[in-house]
Amino acid sequence: MACLDRAVSSEDRPVQGKAPRLWAKVEYDGTDFYGFQVQARERTVQGELERALESLTGEPARIAGAGRTDRGVHARGQVVSFQTSWQHGWVDLQRAFNAVLPADVAVLAMGVAPEGFHPRFSALSRRYRYTILNQAWRSPLLRRTAWHVGRELDEGRLSQASEYLVGSQDFATFGRPPTGEPGASTVRRVFEARWQKQGPLLTFDIEANAYLYRMVRSIVGTLTQVGWGQLSVDDFRAMLEARDHSLIRRVAPARGLCLMQVQYAAHGGALQ
């Protein structure tokens, strides 16, 4: 698998007479957005990207994304794709993009997508990170990107319960299929679910082939109950196996969640 972290090369040039499909790696602070997906009346990441591209090219723009992050969720490694007849090179396009985008969105890298590439449907996995500030007092500097939990959490219990998440199984307890997909499967494959502690910060990294609506936030909210001793590790396992969404009592807030990376097949080395 390969992630899209290649810097734009100065040798990248548009092909005359063609409108190639490009990929771009995008970072954003999701606090002031109503999610990624474009909406008629609300500010979204997709909407800002499309407005910026249209202002640069003078053409209507449509951008596809790898993940439909919810309102308030951030991204360091969102991947998007689009077609454009821009004729001045990708380095110039990335520079121009960042010049017209608002301060809470940036294009980190850009390149030509391989044949048949789609940021969502070509993805093999997505990795999210949830950050908890676990100390008695709040931090004004972290208020937009971490969930402040004043009561001490037991990292060992968190890690032990998270082991049950790994593998291919039905996660109906922790989420619902995306809007517009009623009756869709709630089975997902989790490759990794890991907690780390650095000072007062607890981070939960999870990588899966796909996610249900609010799946990560429901998992984290429930795991905090395990970390406090309100639920046992066996209780957590039983909730997972019950496949009953009504059992969820706590959903972590959006501000602590960040889309870190999207993984793709190497495509013959085209996406490096």
Foldseek 3Di string as FASTA:
>chain_A
DDFQDDAFDQPFFDDPPDWFKKKFWKWFQQAQFQWADDDDPTHHVQVLLQVLVCVVQVDRWGKAWQDGGGRLATARGIMIMTTGPDGDGPVVVQVSSQVRGDPGMHTNHMDGDDPPDGNHPQFQKWKKKFKAQADQDDDPVCPQAHHYDHDFFDQVQLALLQVLVAAWDAQLQQAAADPPDPPDGRTWHKHDWDWDDDPRMIMTMTMIRDHHVLRVQLSVQVSRCCRVVVAPSVRSNVSRVVSHNVPRDTGHDNSRMYTYTTDGPCSVVRRD
